[in-house]
Amino acid sequence: MIRELNELLSVKGERMKLVVVACQDEDVLEAVVESSNLGISQPILIGSLKETRVIAEKLNLDISGFEFIDEDDLAAAAEIGVRMVSEGKADFIMKGLVDTSILLKAVLNKDWGLRTDSLLSHVMVYDVESYHKLLYLTDGGMNLNPSIEEKKKIIDNSIIVAKAMGCKNVKVAALAAKEKVNPKMQATVDADELKNMSIEGAFGKEVMVEGPLALDLALSKEAARIKKIESPVAGDADVLLVPTIEMGNGIGKAITYLANGKSAGIIMGAKAPVVLVSRADDKDTKLYSIALGNMISSYLRKMA
């Protein structure tokens, strides 16, 4: 089981083909080249050859051995990249200097995209010094106010990520503002229903969903002891399921900017992982995200 993001750079699974859409971005290109040098990915670059060469020369990066598709149009670059994954010519895809909406429109194309019966959802993996293992936070990036059915799919997606990282028994905390069910607080009602689904086996024998749980109960055994909450998930959660995007966004940014947490981000629910990070994220976050996408791709191939 991987407990620190740094481990991803050495325990990386099978080297998979990564297609990068609009690769003419300094941090993205630097992370992609390093991932190749570390044996994590086999990159295929799509974007402006002229701009990419300027960046490579500026940063002293060797991209001469990479497959390169010269395409300045962002929508066309996204289509080429998605088609390559759909046709099995690449294993996963990464967002470069292209709007998220453009890339996801291609991913969701009905004819040649990467649609499945699942729901696209964002999973952030956080490495925080004050917590004893990695935290999987979902969904603070895509789904605004998911229904109970959508929350189930969001959990399913996060389980794949956690298991790809070697987590055999996945503990999911369905977060709310309090631990008691209150009909006026939909988050508590949904969390209780998800817990019952878990008891009935909806997520598999190796997954436990507990809820509703306030954040302190999910992360602190001492808080659980004081409040007399007995659950294997309390103080030992792997996955933090948030009820709304605002809670997820707030927790994630607090971890990053107040707790100096390291992170990696991935979109799940498509036929292949989509590495989608913020332009504000540094090179290390992008590198960890590539390594995460590679691990998930390798895991999915073994499970197929």
Protein backbone atom coordinates (compact mmCIF):
# COMPACT_ATOMS: atom_id res chain seq x y z
CA MET A 1 0.00 0.00 0.00
CA ILE A 2 1.41 3.36 -1.03
CA ARG A 3 1.39 5.74 1.94
CA GLU A 4 3.30 8.71 0.48
CA LEU A 5 3.10 10.31 -2.95
CA ASN A 6 6.88 10.14 -3.30
CA GLU A 7 6.53 6.37 -3.47
CA LEU A 8 4.68 6.78 -6.77
CA LEU A 9 7.94 7.82 -8.40
CA SER A 10 9.54 4.47 -7.64
CA VAL A 11 6.58 2.09 -7.27
CA LYS A 12 4.97 2.99 -10.56
CA GLY A 13 3.48 -0.10 -12.12
CA GLU A 14 3.76 -0.86 -15.80
CA ARG A 15 4.94 2.03 -18.01
CA MET A 16 1.90 3.25 -19.93
CA LYS A 17 1.41 5.50 -22.94
CA LEU A 18 0.38 9.04 -21.96
CA VAL A 19 -1.07 11.42 -24.54
CA VAL A 20 -0.71 15.11 -23.62
CA VAL A 21 -3.17 17.57 -25.16
CA ALA A 22 -1.75 21.07 -25.80
CA CYS A 23 1.68 20.21 -24.43
CA GLN A 24 3.04 23.78 -24.84
CA ASP A 25 3.00 24.50 -21.09
CA GLU A 26 6.21 24.82 -19.07
CA ASP A 27 5.20 22.93 -15.91
CA VAL A 28 3.33 20.26 -17.86
CA LEU A 29 6.20 19.67 -20.27
CA GLU A 30 8.75 19.58 -17.46
CA ALA A 31 6.66 17.06 -15.51
CA VAL A 32 6.05 14.91 -18.60
CA VAL A 33 9.76 14.76 -19.46
CA GLU A 34 10.66 13.87 -15.87
CA SER A 35 7.99 11.16 -15.81
CA SER A 36 9.56 9.68 -18.92
CA ASN A 37 13.07 9.89 -17.49
CA LEU A 38 11.86 8.10 -14.35
CA GLY A 39 10.30 5.33 -16.44
CA ILE A 40 6.79 6.24 -15.35
CA SER A 41 5.20 7.09 -18.69
CA GLN A 42 5.74 6.90 -22.43
CA PRO A 43 4.59 10.35 -23.59
CA ILE A 44 2.90 11.28 -26.85
CA LEU A 45 2.82 15.05 -27.29
CA ILE A 46 0.06 16.90 -29.16
CA GLY A 47 0.23 20.65 -29.60
CA SER A 48 2.20 23.48 -31.14
CA LEU A 49 5.57 22.09 -32.17
CA LYS A 50 7.04 25.57 -32.48
CA GLU A 51 5.97 26.71 -29.00
CA THR A 52 6.93 23.39 -27.43
CA ARG A 53 10.42 23.51 -28.89
CA VAL A 54 10.90 27.03 -27.51
CA ILE A 55 9.91 25.80 -24.02
CA ALA A 56 12.10 22.71 -24.30
CA GLU A 57 15.11 24.80 -25.26
CA LYS A 58 14.44 27.30 -22.48
CA LEU A 59 14.22 24.56 -19.82
CA ASN A 60 16.91 22.36 -21.41
CA LEU A 61 14.48 19.48 -21.91
CA ASP A 62 15.11 16.66 -24.37
CA ILE A 63 11.91 15.81 -26.23
CA SER A 64 13.61 14.40 -29.32
CA GLY A 65 12.59 10.83 -28.53
CA PHE A 66 8.88 11.55 -28.09
CA GLU A 67 6.17 10.99 -30.66
CA PHE A 68 4.87 14.47 -31.58
CA ILE A 69 1.70 15.51 -33.39
CA ASP A 70 1.83 19.15 -34.48
CA GLU A 71 -1.62 20.68 -33.97
CA ASP A 72 -2.23 24.31 -32.97
CA ASP A 73 -6.02 24.09 -32.78
CA LEU A 74 -7.01 23.12 -29.24
CA ALA A 75 -10.26 21.36 -30.08
CA ALA A 76 -8.55 19.37 -32.82
CA ALA A 77 -5.71 18.46 -30.44
CA ALA A 78 -8.24 17.25 -27.87
CA GLU A 79 -10.02 15.13 -30.47
CA ILE A 80 -6.79 13.56 -31.67
CA GLY A 81 -5.75 12.72 -28.12
CA VAL A 82 -9.10 11.25 -27.11
CA ARG A 83 -9.32 9.21 -30.30
CA MET A 84 -5.86 7.76 -29.63
CA VAL A 85 -6.97 6.56 -26.20
CA SER A 86 -10.30 5.31 -27.55
CA GLU A 87 -8.52 3.34 -30.28
CA GLY A 88 -6.01 1.82 -27.87
CA LYS A 89 -3.04 3.79 -29.17
CA ALA A 90 -2.57 5.41 -25.75
CA ASP A 91 -3.50 4.39 -22.21
CA PHE A 92 -4.43 7.67 -20.54
CA ILE A 93 -4.65 11.36 -21.28
CA MET A 94 -3.45 14.62 -19.71
CA LYS A 95 -4.65 18.20 -19.96
CA GLY A 96 -2.01 20.70 -21.01
CA LEU A 97 -2.61 24.30 -22.08
CA VAL A 98 -6.22 23.69 -23.05
CA ASP A 99 -9.47 24.68 -21.36
CA THR A 100 -10.97 21.90 -19.28
CA SER A 101 -14.30 22.31 -21.09
CA ILE A 102 -12.67 21.63 -24.47
CA LEU A 103 -10.95 18.46 -23.26
CA LEU A 104 -14.00 17.10 -21.44
CA LYS A 105 -16.26 17.81 -24.43
CA ALA A 106 -13.98 15.53 -26.44
CA VAL A 107 -13.86 12.92 -23.67
CA LEU A 108 -17.69 12.84 -23.60
CA ASN A 109 -18.17 12.72 -27.37
CA LYS A 110 -20.79 10.06 -28.13
CA ASP A 111 -19.15 8.76 -31.29
CA TRP A 112 -15.43 8.54 -30.51
CA GLY A 113 -15.06 9.69 -26.90
CA LEU A 114 -14.41 7.84 -23.66
CA ARG A 115 -17.94 7.68 -22.25
CA THR A 116 -19.01 4.85 -19.96
CA ASP A 117 -22.10 4.14 -17.87
CA SER A 118 -20.33 5.72 -14.94
CA LEU A 119 -20.11 9.37 -13.92
CA LEU A 120 -17.08 11.57 -14.41
CA SER A 121 -15.77 12.60 -11.01
CA HIS A 122 -12.61 14.16 -9.64
CA VAL A 123 -10.43 12.40 -7.09
CA MET A 124 -7.65 14.28 -5.31
CA VAL A 125 -5.01 12.32 -3.42
CA TYR A 126 -3.41 14.22 -0.56
CA ASP A 127 -0.21 13.49 1.32
CA VAL A 128 -0.40 15.38 4.61
CA GLU A 129 2.31 15.13 7.25
CA SER A 130 -0.21 15.17 10.09
CA TYR A 131 -2.17 12.16 8.77
CA HIS A 132 -0.88 8.59 8.86
CA LYS A 133 -1.71 7.66 5.26
CA LEU A 134 -2.92 9.11 1.99
CA LEU A 135 -6.32 10.79 1.80
CA TYR A 136 -8.59 10.47 -1.22
CA LEU A 137 -10.92 13.47 -1.50
CA THR A 138 -13.91 13.37 -3.82
CA ASP A 139 -15.58 15.23 -5.45
CA GLY A 140 -14.33 18.76 -5.05
CA GLY A 141 -13.76 19.47 -8.71
CA MET A 142 -16.63 18.41 -10.97
CA ASN A 143 -20.01 17.50 -9.52
CA LEU A 144 -21.73 20.43 -7.84
CA ASN A 145 -24.43 18.87 -5.68
CA PRO A 146 -24.60 15.15 -6.51
CA SER A 147 -27.66 13.00 -5.95
CA ILE A 148 -27.52 9.78 -3.96
CA GLU A 149 -27.16 7.80 -7.19
CA GLU A 150 -24.33 10.05 -8.32
CA LYS A 151 -22.62 9.78 -4.94
CA LYS A 152 -22.60 6.00 -5.31
CA LYS A 153 -20.82 6.32 -8.65
CA ILE A 154 -18.40 8.85 -7.16
CA ILE A 155 -17.54 6.34 -4.42
CA ASP A 156 -17.11 3.58 -7.02
CA ASN A 157 -14.61 5.76 -8.90
CA SER A 158 -12.65 6.57 -5.75
CA ILE A 159 -12.46 2.88 -4.83
CA ILE A 160 -10.66 2.15 -8.10
CA VAL A 161 -8.10 4.86 -7.33
CA ALA A 162 -7.53 3.64 -3.78
CA LYS A 163 -7.20 0.00 -4.85
CA ALA A 164 -4.80 0.94 -7.64
CA MET A 165 -2.64 2.45 -4.91
CA GLY A 166 -2.67 -0.82 -2.99
CA CYS A 167 -5.44 -0.08 -0.48
CA LYS A 168 -7.09 -3.47 0.03
CA ASN A 169 -9.78 -2.47 2.54
CA VAL A 170 -11.15 0.93 1.57
CA LYS A 171 -12.71 3.01 4.34
CA VAL A 172 -15.04 5.74 3.09
CA ALA A 173 -16.26 8.58 5.29
CA ALA A 174 -19.46 10.17 3.97
CA LEU A 175 -19.03 13.69 5.33
CA ALA A 176 -21.63 16.02 6.75
CA ALA A 177 -21.73 18.76 9.37
CA LYS A 178 -22.84 16.35 12.10
CA GLU A 179 -22.98 12.64 12.80
CA LYS A 180 -26.71 12.35 13.45
CA VAL A 181 -29.26 11.99 10.65
CA ASN A 182 -31.37 15.12 10.27
CA PRO A 183 -34.09 15.22 7.58
CA LYS A 184 -33.39 18.93 7.13
CA MET A 185 -29.75 18.18 6.21
CA GLN A 186 -29.74 16.15 3.00
CA ALA A 187 -26.04 15.31 3.40
CA THR A 188 -26.81 13.33 6.56
CA VAL A 189 -29.71 11.49 4.93
CA ASP A 190 -27.60 10.53 1.90
CA ALA A 191 -24.66 9.48 4.07
CA ASP A 192 -26.88 7.16 6.10
CA GLU A 193 -28.30 5.62 2.93
CA LEU A 194 -24.82 5.10 1.49
CA LYS A 195 -23.79 3.40 4.72
CA ASN A 196 -26.78 1.04 4.41
CA MET A 197 -25.86 0.35 0.77
CA SER A 198 -22.39 -0.59 1.94
CA ILE A 199 -23.74 -2.95 4.60
CA GLU A 200 -25.84 -4.62 1.88
CA GLY A 201 -22.72 -5.13 -0.24
CA ALA A 202 -23.24 -2.47 -2.91
CA PHE A 203 -19.54 -1.51 -2.88
CA GLY A 204 -18.03 -4.96 -2.33
CA LYS A 205 -16.76 -6.84 0.70
CA GLU A 206 -13.52 -4.87 0.95
CA VAL A 207 -15.21 -1.46 1.23
CA MET A 208 -16.82 0.11 4.29
CA VAL A 209 -18.83 3.32 4.08
CA GLU A 210 -19.55 5.16 7.32
CA GLY A 211 -21.74 8.18 7.67
CA PRO A 212 -22.76 10.71 8.39
CA LEU A 213 -19.40 11.74 9.84
CA ALA A 214 -18.11 15.20 10.56
CA LEU A 215 -14.59 15.82 9.30
CA ASP A 216 -13.00 15.60 12.76
CA LEU A 217 -14.51 12.16 13.30
CA ALA A 218 -13.25 10.90 9.95
CA LEU A 219 -9.67 11.97 10.70
CA SER A 220 -9.23 11.82 14.47
CA LYS A 221 -9.57 8.75 16.69
CA GLU A 222 -9.40 11.07 19.70
CA ALA A 223 -12.39 13.09 18.46
CA ALA A 224 -14.27 9.85 17.89
CA ARG A 225 -13.40 8.64 21.41
CA ILE A 226 -14.59 11.87 23.01
CA LYS A 227 -17.85 11.85 21.04
CA LYS A 228 -18.28 8.11 21.66
CA ILE A 229 -18.41 7.21 17.97
CA GLU A 230 -17.37 3.61 17.39
CA SER A 231 -16.48 2.73 13.81
CA PRO A 232 -13.43 1.30 12.04
CA VAL A 233 -13.64 4.29 9.69
CA ALA A 234 -13.48 6.93 12.41
CA GLY A 235 -9.97 8.34 12.62
CA ASP A 236 -8.78 6.02 9.84
CA ALA A 237 -10.66 7.12 6.71
CA ASP A 238 -9.12 6.56 3.29
CA VAL A 239 -11.77 8.32 1.19
CA LEU A 240 -13.47 11.56 2.16
CA LEU A 241 -16.76 11.77 0.25
CA VAL A 242 -18.00 15.36 0.30
CA PRO A 243 -21.69 16.23 -0.17
CA THR A 244 -21.03 19.31 -2.33
CA ILE A 245 -18.27 20.81 -4.43
CA GLU A 246 -17.90 23.72 -2.00
CA MET A 247 -16.93 21.44 0.87
CA GLY A 248 -14.51 19.50 -1.32
CA ASN A 249 -12.93 22.64 -2.74
CA GLY A 250 -12.56 24.13 0.73
CA ILE A 251 -11.03 21.04 2.31
CA GLY A 252 -8.64 20.59 -0.60
CA LYS A 253 -7.39 24.16 -0.62
CA ALA A 254 -7.03 24.13 3.16
CA ILE A 255 -4.84 21.03 2.92
CA THR A 256 -2.73 22.63 0.19
CA TYR A 257 -2.31 26.14 1.54
CA LEU A 258 -2.58 25.68 5.31
CA ALA A 259 -1.14 22.20 5.80
CA ASN A 260 1.40 22.24 2.94
CA GLY A 261 -0.07 19.00 1.62
CA LYS A 262 1.28 17.35 -1.51
CA SER A 263 -1.34 16.28 -4.00
CA ALA A 264 -2.21 14.48 -7.20
CA GLY A 265 -5.45 14.77 -9.17
CA ILE A 266 -7.31 12.54 -11.58
CA ILE A 267 -10.70 12.36 -13.30
CA MET A 268 -12.33 8.95 -13.17
CA GLY A 269 -15.42 7.48 -14.77
CA ALA A 270 -14.20 7.50 -18.37
CA LYS A 271 -12.69 4.53 -20.22
CA ALA A 272 -9.27 5.77 -19.12
CA PRO A 273 -7.95 8.11 -16.42
CA VAL A 274 -7.80 11.80 -17.29
CA VAL A 275 -4.96 13.73 -15.64
CA LEU A 276 -6.48 17.13 -15.00
CA VAL A 277 -4.66 19.57 -12.77
CA SER A 278 -4.98 23.30 -12.18
CA ARG A 279 -2.72 25.74 -13.98
CA ALA A 280 -1.79 26.97 -10.50
CA ASP A 281 -0.46 23.54 -9.53
CA ASP A 282 3.31 23.21 -9.48
CA LYS A 283 5.46 20.78 -11.44
CA ASP A 284 5.57 18.24 -8.59
CA THR A 285 1.77 18.05 -8.42
CA LYS A 286 1.64 17.46 -12.15
CA LEU A 287 4.35 14.79 -11.90
CA TYR A 288 2.54 13.01 -9.06
CA SER A 289 -0.68 13.20 -11.09
CA ILE A 290 0.97 11.59 -14.09
CA ALA A 291 2.35 8.84 -11.87
CA LEU A 292 -1.12 8.35 -10.36
CA GLY A 293 -2.70 8.12 -13.80
CA ASN A 294 -0.07 5.57 -14.80
CA MET A 295 -0.77 3.45 -11.69
CA ILE A 296 -4.51 3.49 -12.36
CA SER A 297 -4.03 2.63 -16.05
CA SER A 298 -1.77 -0.26 -15.11
CA TYR A 299 -4.27 -1.48 -12.51
CA LEU A 300 -7.21 -1.28 -14.95
CA ARG A 301 -5.27 -3.26 -17.54
CA LYS A 302 -4.61 -6.03 -15.01
CA MET A 303 -8.26 -6.06 -13.97
CA ALA A 304 -9.58 -6.20 -17.54
